[in-house]
N, C-alpha and C. Protein backbone atom coordinates (compact mmCIF):
# COMPACT_ATOMS: atom_id res chain seq x y z
N MET A 1 -5.50 12.93 -26.50
CA MET A 1 -5.95 12.99 -25.12
C MET A 1 -7.03 14.08 -25.03
N THR A 2 -8.10 13.73 -24.38
CA THR A 2 -9.19 14.67 -24.19
C THR A 2 -8.99 15.45 -22.90
N ALA A 3 -9.78 16.50 -22.75
CA ALA A 3 -9.73 17.28 -21.52
C ALA A 3 -10.12 16.42 -20.32
N GLY A 4 -11.09 15.52 -20.55
CA GLY A 4 -11.50 14.61 -19.48
C GLY A 4 -10.37 13.67 -19.05
N ASP A 5 -9.62 13.19 -20.04
CA ASP A 5 -8.47 12.31 -19.73
C ASP A 5 -7.44 13.07 -18.90
N ALA A 6 -7.16 14.30 -19.32
CA ALA A 6 -6.17 15.11 -18.60
C ALA A 6 -6.62 15.37 -17.17
N THR A 7 -7.91 15.63 -16.99
CA THR A 7 -8.45 15.88 -15.65
C THR A 7 -8.32 14.62 -14.79
N GLU A 8 -8.62 13.48 -15.38
CA GLU A 8 -8.52 12.21 -14.65
C GLU A 8 -7.07 11.91 -14.25
N ILE A 9 -6.14 12.14 -15.14
CA ILE A 9 -4.73 11.91 -14.84
C ILE A 9 -4.25 12.87 -13.75
N ALA A 10 -4.66 14.13 -13.84
CA ALA A 10 -4.28 15.10 -12.81
C ALA A 10 -4.82 14.69 -11.45
N GLY A 11 -6.04 14.19 -11.42
CA GLY A 11 -6.62 13.71 -10.17
C GLY A 11 -5.85 12.53 -9.60
N THR A 12 -5.46 11.61 -10.46
CA THR A 12 -4.67 10.46 -10.03
C THR A 12 -3.32 10.93 -9.46
N LEU A 13 -2.67 11.85 -10.14
CA LEU A 13 -1.40 12.38 -9.66
C LEU A 13 -1.55 13.02 -8.28
N ALA A 14 -2.62 13.78 -8.10
CA ALA A 14 -2.84 14.46 -6.81
C ALA A 14 -3.05 13.44 -5.71
N LYS A 15 -3.84 12.40 -5.98
CA LYS A 15 -4.15 11.40 -4.96
C LYS A 15 -2.97 10.47 -4.67
N ARG A 16 -2.17 10.21 -5.67
CA ARG A 16 -1.13 9.17 -5.56
C ARG A 16 0.28 9.72 -5.58
N ARG A 17 0.44 11.00 -5.27
CA ARG A 17 1.78 11.62 -5.38
C ARG A 17 2.80 10.95 -4.45
N ASP A 18 2.38 10.49 -3.26
CA ASP A 18 3.33 9.84 -2.35
C ASP A 18 3.84 8.53 -2.94
N VAL A 19 2.93 7.77 -3.55
CA VAL A 19 3.32 6.50 -4.18
C VAL A 19 4.25 6.79 -5.36
N LEU A 20 3.90 7.75 -6.19
CA LEU A 20 4.72 8.08 -7.36
C LEU A 20 6.09 8.57 -6.92
N ALA A 21 6.16 9.37 -5.88
CA ALA A 21 7.44 9.88 -5.39
C ALA A 21 8.33 8.74 -4.92
N ALA A 22 7.73 7.77 -4.21
CA ALA A 22 8.52 6.61 -3.75
C ALA A 22 9.00 5.77 -4.93
N LEU A 23 8.19 5.64 -5.96
CA LEU A 23 8.56 4.85 -7.14
C LEU A 23 9.62 5.58 -7.97
N PHE A 24 9.65 6.90 -7.88
CA PHE A 24 10.60 7.68 -8.65
C PHE A 24 12.04 7.31 -8.32
N GLU A 25 12.27 6.84 -7.08
CA GLU A 25 13.60 6.46 -6.65
C GLU A 25 14.06 5.15 -7.25
N GLY A 26 13.15 4.43 -7.87
CA GLY A 26 13.49 3.15 -8.51
C GLY A 26 12.57 2.05 -8.03
N PRO A 27 12.79 0.84 -8.55
CA PRO A 27 11.94 -0.28 -8.18
C PRO A 27 11.91 -0.48 -6.67
N VAL A 28 10.75 -0.85 -6.18
CA VAL A 28 10.59 -1.08 -4.74
C VAL A 28 9.54 -2.14 -4.51
N ARG A 29 9.72 -2.96 -3.53
CA ARG A 29 8.76 -4.01 -3.22
C ARG A 29 7.52 -3.40 -2.56
N LYS A 30 6.37 -4.04 -2.84
CA LYS A 30 5.12 -3.56 -2.26
C LYS A 30 5.20 -3.48 -0.74
N ARG A 31 5.76 -4.51 -0.14
CA ARG A 31 5.85 -4.54 1.33
C ARG A 31 6.59 -3.30 1.86
N THR A 32 7.66 -2.91 1.15
CA THR A 32 8.43 -1.75 1.56
C THR A 32 7.59 -0.49 1.43
N LEU A 33 6.84 -0.35 0.34
CA LEU A 33 6.00 0.82 0.16
C LEU A 33 4.91 0.89 1.23
N VAL A 34 4.32 -0.23 1.55
CA VAL A 34 3.29 -0.27 2.59
C VAL A 34 3.87 0.26 3.90
N GLU A 35 5.07 -0.19 4.25
CA GLU A 35 5.72 0.25 5.49
C GLU A 35 6.12 1.71 5.41
N GLU A 36 6.72 2.14 4.31
CA GLU A 36 7.20 3.52 4.19
C GLU A 36 6.05 4.52 4.19
N LEU A 37 4.97 4.17 3.49
CA LEU A 37 3.86 5.12 3.34
C LEU A 37 2.80 4.96 4.43
N GLY A 38 2.85 3.86 5.17
CA GLY A 38 1.88 3.65 6.23
C GLY A 38 0.45 3.50 5.75
N VAL A 39 0.29 2.79 4.62
CA VAL A 39 -1.04 2.58 4.06
C VAL A 39 -1.33 1.09 3.98
N PRO A 40 -2.61 0.71 3.99
CA PRO A 40 -2.95 -0.70 3.81
C PRO A 40 -2.54 -1.18 2.42
N ARG A 41 -2.26 -2.46 2.30
CA ARG A 41 -1.81 -3.02 1.02
C ARG A 41 -2.88 -2.81 -0.06
N THR A 42 -4.17 -2.91 0.30
CA THR A 42 -5.22 -2.72 -0.70
C THR A 42 -5.21 -1.30 -1.25
N THR A 43 -4.92 -0.33 -0.39
CA THR A 43 -4.82 1.06 -0.84
C THR A 43 -3.65 1.23 -1.79
N LEU A 44 -2.52 0.63 -1.43
CA LEU A 44 -1.35 0.70 -2.28
C LEU A 44 -1.62 0.04 -3.63
N ASP A 45 -2.23 -1.14 -3.61
CA ASP A 45 -2.55 -1.85 -4.86
C ASP A 45 -3.41 -0.98 -5.78
N ARG A 46 -4.41 -0.34 -5.20
CA ARG A 46 -5.30 0.53 -5.99
C ARG A 46 -4.51 1.71 -6.57
N GLY A 47 -3.66 2.31 -5.75
CA GLY A 47 -2.88 3.45 -6.21
C GLY A 47 -1.92 3.08 -7.33
N VAL A 48 -1.23 1.97 -7.16
CA VAL A 48 -0.29 1.51 -8.20
C VAL A 48 -1.07 1.18 -9.48
N ARG A 49 -2.20 0.52 -9.35
CA ARG A 49 -3.00 0.18 -10.53
C ARG A 49 -3.42 1.44 -11.29
N GLU A 50 -3.83 2.47 -10.57
CA GLU A 50 -4.22 3.74 -11.23
C GLU A 50 -3.03 4.36 -11.96
N LEU A 51 -1.86 4.36 -11.32
CA LEU A 51 -0.68 4.93 -11.97
C LEU A 51 -0.29 4.13 -13.20
N VAL A 52 -0.36 2.81 -13.12
CA VAL A 52 -0.05 1.95 -14.27
C VAL A 52 -1.05 2.18 -15.39
N ASP A 53 -2.32 2.24 -15.04
CA ASP A 53 -3.38 2.44 -16.05
C ASP A 53 -3.19 3.73 -16.84
N HIS A 54 -2.61 4.74 -16.21
CA HIS A 54 -2.39 6.03 -16.88
C HIS A 54 -0.98 6.14 -17.47
N GLY A 55 -0.22 5.06 -17.42
CA GLY A 55 1.12 5.07 -17.99
C GLY A 55 2.14 5.84 -17.17
N LEU A 56 1.86 6.04 -15.89
CA LEU A 56 2.75 6.81 -15.03
C LEU A 56 3.70 5.93 -14.23
N ALA A 57 3.47 4.63 -14.26
CA ALA A 57 4.35 3.66 -13.58
C ALA A 57 4.20 2.34 -14.30
N GLU A 58 5.09 1.42 -14.00
CA GLU A 58 4.97 0.09 -14.59
C GLU A 58 5.28 -0.94 -13.53
N ARG A 59 4.64 -2.08 -13.67
CA ARG A 59 4.87 -3.19 -12.75
C ARG A 59 6.07 -4.01 -13.26
N VAL A 60 6.88 -4.46 -12.33
CA VAL A 60 8.02 -5.31 -12.64
C VAL A 60 7.91 -6.53 -11.74
N ASP A 61 7.75 -7.69 -12.34
CA ASP A 61 7.66 -8.92 -11.56
C ASP A 61 9.05 -9.40 -11.15
N GLY A 62 9.16 -9.88 -9.93
CA GLY A 62 10.44 -10.39 -9.44
C GLY A 62 11.43 -9.27 -9.28
N GLY A 63 12.68 -9.58 -9.48
CA GLY A 63 13.72 -8.57 -9.38
C GLY A 63 14.06 -8.25 -7.94
N SER A 64 14.93 -7.31 -7.79
CA SER A 64 15.37 -6.94 -6.44
C SER A 64 15.17 -5.45 -6.22
N GLY A 65 13.96 -5.09 -5.94
CA GLY A 65 13.66 -3.69 -5.68
C GLY A 65 14.16 -3.28 -4.31
N ARG A 66 14.06 -2.01 -4.02
CA ARG A 66 14.47 -1.47 -2.73
C ARG A 66 13.75 -2.24 -1.62
N ARG A 67 14.46 -2.60 -0.61
CA ARG A 67 13.85 -3.39 0.50
C ARG A 67 13.70 -2.55 1.73
C-alpha cells in the first residue's frame, strides 16, 4: 500500500463513516440505510461502492438484512 492509497482510504472513511457504522451492525437493506441515514439512494450507492472498492465492506445479494 502506498501513502497515496492510505490517504485515499482515510478520506473514504471520513466521508462514509455513517454508512460504515450502520453496516458494522450487520447486513442491512439499502432501503433501510437510506431511511436511517436520510440520504438519497444515489449517495448511498456511491458510498457503499467506495467502501467495497477499498475492501471495507462487501455486498451481499438477497438474504435478510436488517429491515
